Amino acid sequence: MNDDRFFERLRGDAAPLRYEPDALMLTRLTARVRERVAAQPTVESFLARWFRPLAMSLGVLALAATLGVQWYERTQQPTLEAAMSADPVEISMDGNTYTVSR
């Protein structure tokens, strides 16, 4: 099931594509990695790493809530109060007509 020659050919074909740094570049890379590992994060960077995603999440949540409220208000059937205030109600008593509206 496993073709050993295929993997050998694949390794041979990929050999020129590998990046193998020389001694000077290897020293620079290791120094840069050690510097970043040893560096203590400042308070500002610590807060920025936590606050930015939190602020973005809250912003998206607020946007979703706003859109949800707008959608709910547009698709909601008119209530009795809205229907009564839209059309005036006429009441007739003793030959007199009274109009009730807001």
N, C-alpha and C. Protein backbone atom coordinates (compact mmCIF):
# COMPACT_ATOMS: atom_id res chain seq x y z
N MET A 1 0.81 -1.18 0.00
CA MET A 1 0.00 0.00 0.00
C MET A 1 0.87 1.26 0.00
N ASN A 2 2.06 1.14 0.53
CA ASN A 2 2.96 2.28 0.64
C ASN A 2 4.07 2.11 -0.40
N ASP A 3 4.19 3.06 -1.31
CA ASP A 3 5.21 2.99 -2.36
C ASP A 3 6.44 3.75 -1.88
N ASP A 4 7.48 3.04 -1.47
CA ASP A 4 8.68 3.66 -0.91
C ASP A 4 9.42 4.48 -1.96
N ARG A 5 9.43 4.02 -3.20
CA ARG A 5 10.13 4.76 -4.24
C ARG A 5 9.49 6.11 -4.50
N PHE A 6 8.17 6.18 -4.36
CA PHE A 6 7.49 7.46 -4.57
C PHE A 6 7.99 8.50 -3.57
N PHE A 7 8.07 8.11 -2.30
CA PHE A 7 8.53 9.05 -1.28
C PHE A 7 10.00 9.41 -1.48
N GLU A 8 10.81 8.47 -1.91
CA GLU A 8 12.22 8.76 -2.18
C GLU A 8 12.34 9.76 -3.33
N ARG A 9 11.56 9.56 -4.38
CA ARG A 9 11.58 10.51 -5.51
C ARG A 9 11.07 11.89 -5.07
N LEU A 10 10.04 11.90 -4.25
CA LEU A 10 9.50 13.16 -3.76
C LEU A 10 10.53 13.91 -2.93
N ARG A 11 11.23 13.21 -2.06
CA ARG A 11 12.29 13.86 -1.27
C ARG A 11 13.41 14.37 -2.17
N GLY A 12 13.77 13.58 -3.16
CA GLY A 12 14.83 13.99 -4.08
C GLY A 12 14.43 15.21 -4.90
N ASP A 13 13.18 15.24 -5.35
CA ASP A 13 12.71 16.39 -6.13
C ASP A 13 12.58 17.64 -5.27
N ALA A 14 12.26 17.47 -3.99
CA ALA A 14 12.06 18.62 -3.11
C ALA A 14 13.36 19.12 -2.50
N ALA A 15 14.44 18.38 -2.63
CA ALA A 15 15.71 18.78 -2.01
C ALA A 15 16.18 20.17 -2.45
N PRO A 16 16.11 20.53 -3.74
CA PRO A 16 16.57 21.88 -4.11
C PRO A 16 15.65 22.99 -3.58
N LEU A 17 14.44 22.64 -3.19
CA LEU A 17 13.51 23.66 -2.70
C LEU A 17 13.67 23.95 -1.22
N ARG A 18 14.39 23.10 -0.52
CA ARG A 18 14.58 23.30 0.92
C ARG A 18 15.45 24.53 1.17
N TYR A 19 15.11 25.21 2.27
CA TYR A 19 15.91 26.36 2.67
C TYR A 19 16.81 25.94 3.81
N GLU A 20 18.08 25.92 3.55
CA GLU A 20 19.04 25.59 4.59
C GLU A 20 19.97 26.79 4.74
N PRO A 21 19.79 27.54 5.83
CA PRO A 21 20.58 28.76 6.01
C PRO A 21 22.04 28.44 6.30
N ASP A 22 22.88 29.39 5.92
CA ASP A 22 24.30 29.25 6.23
C ASP A 22 24.52 29.58 7.72
N ALA A 23 25.73 29.52 8.18
CA ALA A 23 26.03 29.69 9.60
C ALA A 23 25.65 31.09 10.10
N LEU A 24 25.93 32.11 9.29
CA LEU A 24 25.62 33.48 9.70
C LEU A 24 24.11 33.69 9.82
N MET A 25 23.36 33.22 8.84
CA MET A 25 21.91 33.38 8.88
C MET A 25 21.30 32.54 10.01
N LEU A 26 21.85 31.38 10.26
CA LEU A 26 21.37 30.55 11.35
C LEU A 26 21.59 31.23 12.70
N THR A 27 22.73 31.89 12.85
CA THR A 27 23.00 32.64 14.08
C THR A 27 22.00 33.78 14.24
N ARG A 28 21.73 34.49 13.17
CA ARG A 28 20.76 35.60 13.24
C ARG A 28 19.36 35.10 13.60
N LEU A 29 18.96 34.00 12.96
CA LEU A 29 17.63 33.46 13.24
C LEU A 29 17.49 33.02 14.70
N THR A 30 18.49 32.31 15.20
CA THR A 30 18.40 31.86 16.59
C THR A 30 18.43 33.03 17.55
N ALA A 31 19.22 34.07 17.25
CA ALA A 31 19.25 35.24 18.12
C ALA A 31 17.90 35.96 18.12
N ARG A 32 17.29 36.07 16.96
CA ARG A 32 15.99 36.73 16.87
C ARG A 32 14.91 35.94 17.62
N VAL A 33 14.95 34.60 17.49
CA VAL A 33 13.97 33.78 18.20
C VAL A 33 14.18 33.88 19.70
N ARG A 34 15.42 33.81 20.15
CA ARG A 34 15.69 33.93 21.59
C ARG A 34 15.27 35.29 22.13
N GLU A 35 15.49 36.35 21.35
CA GLU A 35 15.10 37.69 21.78
C GLU A 35 13.58 37.79 21.97
N ARG A 36 12.84 37.24 21.03
CA ARG A 36 11.37 37.31 21.14
C ARG A 36 10.84 36.44 22.26
N VAL A 37 11.49 35.31 22.52
CA VAL A 37 11.06 34.43 23.60
C VAL A 37 11.37 35.06 24.95
N ALA A 38 12.53 35.69 25.07
CA ALA A 38 12.96 36.27 26.35
C ALA A 38 12.30 37.61 26.65
N ALA A 39 11.76 38.27 25.65
CA ALA A 39 11.18 39.60 25.86
C ALA A 39 9.92 39.49 26.71
N GLN A 40 9.85 40.29 27.76
CA GLN A 40 8.67 40.34 28.62
C GLN A 40 7.65 41.27 27.98
N PRO A 41 6.40 40.84 27.91
CA PRO A 41 5.38 41.72 27.32
C PRO A 41 5.10 42.91 28.25
N THR A 42 4.89 44.05 27.65
CA THR A 42 4.56 45.24 28.43
C THR A 42 3.07 45.21 28.75
N VAL A 43 2.67 46.07 29.65
CA VAL A 43 1.26 46.14 30.04
C VAL A 43 0.42 46.55 28.83
N GLU A 44 0.93 47.48 28.04
CA GLU A 44 0.19 47.94 26.87
C GLU A 44 -0.04 46.82 25.87
N SER A 45 1.01 46.04 25.61
CA SER A 45 0.84 44.96 24.64
C SER A 45 -0.08 43.87 25.19
N PHE A 46 0.01 43.60 26.49
CA PHE A 46 -0.87 42.61 27.09
C PHE A 46 -2.33 43.04 26.99
N LEU A 47 -2.60 44.31 27.33
CA LEU A 47 -3.98 44.81 27.23
C LEU A 47 -4.46 44.85 25.79
N ALA A 48 -3.59 45.24 24.87
CA ALA A 48 -3.98 45.30 23.46
C ALA A 48 -4.33 43.92 22.93
N ARG A 49 -3.57 42.90 23.35
CA ARG A 49 -3.87 41.55 22.88
C ARG A 49 -5.21 41.06 23.38
N TRP A 50 -5.65 41.52 24.55
CA TRP A 50 -6.93 41.09 25.11
C TRP A 50 -8.07 42.02 24.74
N PHE A 51 -7.80 43.30 24.67
CA PHE A 51 -8.89 44.26 24.49
C PHE A 51 -9.39 44.33 23.05
N ARG A 52 -8.51 44.24 22.09
CA ARG A 52 -8.93 44.34 20.69
C ARG A 52 -9.94 43.25 20.30
N PRO A 53 -9.66 41.99 20.57
CA PRO A 53 -10.67 40.97 20.22
C PRO A 53 -11.96 41.12 21.04
N LEU A 54 -11.82 41.52 22.30
CA LEU A 54 -13.00 41.71 23.13
C LEU A 54 -13.86 42.84 22.60
N ALA A 55 -13.24 43.96 22.24
CA ALA A 55 -13.98 45.10 21.70
C ALA A 55 -14.64 44.74 20.37
N MET A 56 -13.93 44.00 19.55
CA MET A 56 -14.51 43.61 18.26
C MET A 56 -15.70 42.67 18.47
N SER A 57 -15.58 41.74 19.41
CA SER A 57 -16.70 40.83 19.68
C SER A 57 -17.91 41.59 20.19
N LEU A 58 -17.70 42.53 21.09
CA LEU A 58 -18.82 43.32 21.60
C LEU A 58 -19.43 44.19 20.51
N GLY A 59 -18.60 44.72 19.63
CA GLY A 59 -19.12 45.51 18.51
C GLY A 59 -19.97 44.68 17.57
N VAL A 60 -19.52 43.48 17.27
CA VAL A 60 -20.31 42.59 16.40
C VAL A 60 -21.61 42.20 17.08
N LEU A 61 -21.55 41.95 18.39
CA LEU A 61 -22.76 41.61 19.14
C LEU A 61 -23.75 42.77 19.14
N ALA A 62 -23.25 44.00 19.31
CA ALA A 62 -24.13 45.17 19.28
C ALA A 62 -24.75 45.35 17.90
N LEU A 63 -23.96 45.14 16.86
CA LEU A 63 -24.48 45.26 15.49
C LEU A 63 -25.56 44.20 15.23
N ALA A 64 -25.32 42.98 15.67
CA ALA A 64 -26.31 41.92 15.49
C ALA A 64 -27.59 42.23 16.26
N ALA A 65 -27.46 42.77 17.47
CA ALA A 65 -28.64 43.13 18.26
C ALA A 65 -29.42 44.25 17.59
N THR A 66 -28.72 45.25 17.07
CA THR A 66 -29.39 46.36 16.39
C THR A 66 -30.15 45.87 15.15
N LEU A 67 -29.49 45.04 14.37
CA LEU A 67 -30.15 44.51 13.17
C LEU A 67 -31.33 43.62 13.55
N GLY A 68 -31.19 42.86 14.62
CA GLY A 68 -32.29 42.01 15.07
C GLY A 68 -33.49 42.82 15.54
N VAL A 69 -33.25 43.90 16.26
CA VAL A 69 -34.35 44.75 16.72
C VAL A 69 -35.04 45.41 15.54
N GLN A 70 -34.27 45.90 14.58
CA GLN A 70 -34.85 46.52 13.39
C GLN A 70 -35.70 45.52 12.62
N TRP A 71 -35.19 44.32 12.43
CA TRP A 71 -35.94 43.29 11.72
C TRP A 71 -37.22 42.95 12.46
N TYR A 72 -37.14 42.83 13.78
CA TYR A 72 -38.31 42.48 14.58
C TYR A 72 -39.38 43.57 14.49
N GLU A 73 -38.95 44.82 14.53
CA GLU A 73 -39.92 45.93 14.46
C GLU A 73 -40.58 46.01 13.09
N ARG A 74 -39.86 45.69 12.05
CA ARG A 74 -40.44 45.77 10.70
C ARG A 74 -41.38 44.61 10.40
N THR A 75 -41.10 43.44 10.95
CA THR A 75 -41.94 42.28 10.64
C THR A 75 -43.06 42.09 11.64
N GLN A 76 -43.11 42.86 12.70
CA GLN A 76 -44.14 42.72 13.72
C GLN A 76 -45.48 43.23 13.20
N GLN A 77 -46.54 42.51 13.52
CA GLN A 77 -47.89 42.94 13.15
C GLN A 77 -48.26 44.17 13.98
N PRO A 78 -49.05 45.07 13.40
CA PRO A 78 -49.44 46.25 14.18
C PRO A 78 -50.27 45.86 15.40
N THR A 79 -50.01 46.50 16.50
CA THR A 79 -50.73 46.19 17.73
C THR A 79 -52.07 46.91 17.74
N LEU A 80 -52.88 46.62 18.71
CA LEU A 80 -54.20 47.22 18.83
C LEU A 80 -54.09 48.72 19.03
N GLU A 81 -53.12 49.12 19.84
CA GLU A 81 -52.93 50.56 20.09
C GLU A 81 -52.54 51.29 18.80
N ALA A 82 -51.67 50.70 18.01
CA ALA A 82 -51.26 51.33 16.75
C ALA A 82 -52.43 51.37 15.77
N ALA A 83 -53.23 50.31 15.74
CA ALA A 83 -54.37 50.28 14.83
C ALA A 83 -55.41 51.31 15.24
N MET A 84 -55.62 51.49 16.52
CA MET A 84 -56.61 52.46 16.98
C MET A 84 -56.13 53.89 16.77
N SER A 85 -54.85 54.14 16.91
CA SER A 85 -54.37 55.51 16.72
C SER A 85 -54.29 55.88 15.25
N ALA A 86 -54.21 54.88 14.36
CA ALA A 86 -54.12 55.17 12.94
C ALA A 86 -55.46 55.62 12.38
N ASP A 87 -56.54 54.93 12.74
CA ASP A 87 -57.87 55.27 12.24
C ASP A 87 -58.71 55.81 13.40
N PRO A 88 -59.29 56.99 13.22
CA PRO A 88 -60.13 57.52 14.30
C PRO A 88 -61.41 56.69 14.46
N VAL A 89 -61.85 56.57 15.69
CA VAL A 89 -63.05 55.79 15.99
C VAL A 89 -64.23 56.76 16.10
N GLU A 90 -65.31 56.44 15.41
CA GLU A 90 -66.50 57.28 15.47
C GLU A 90 -67.57 56.58 16.29
N ILE A 91 -68.11 57.31 17.25
CA ILE A 91 -69.16 56.78 18.12
C ILE A 91 -70.40 57.65 17.93
N SER A 92 -71.53 57.01 17.68
CA SER A 92 -72.79 57.75 17.51
C SER A 92 -73.69 57.49 18.72
N MET A 93 -74.13 58.58 19.36
CA MET A 93 -75.04 58.47 20.51
C MET A 93 -76.07 59.60 20.42
N ASP A 94 -77.34 59.26 20.51
CA ASP A 94 -78.42 60.26 20.48
C ASP A 94 -78.35 61.15 19.27
N GLY A 95 -77.94 60.63 18.14
CA GLY A 95 -77.90 61.43 16.94
C GLY A 95 -76.63 62.25 16.80
N ASN A 96 -75.80 62.28 17.79
CA ASN A 96 -74.53 63.00 17.73
C ASN A 96 -73.41 62.01 17.39
N THR A 97 -72.44 62.44 16.61
CA THR A 97 -71.30 61.62 16.23
C THR A 97 -70.08 62.20 16.92
N TYR A 98 -69.42 61.32 17.65
CA TYR A 98 -68.18 61.71 18.33
C TYR A 98 -67.02 60.97 17.70
N THR A 99 -65.93 61.66 17.48
CA THR A 99 -64.71 61.05 16.91
C THR A 99 -63.66 60.95 17.99
N VAL A 100 -63.15 59.77 18.19
CA VAL A 100 -62.11 59.55 19.19
C VAL A 100 -60.81 59.26 18.44
N SER A 101 -59.83 60.11 18.68
CA SER A 101 -58.49 59.90 18.08
C SER A 101 -57.48 60.52 19.02
N ARG A 102 -56.27 60.31 18.77
CA ARG A 102 -55.21 60.85 19.61
C ARG A 102 -54.96 62.28 19.34
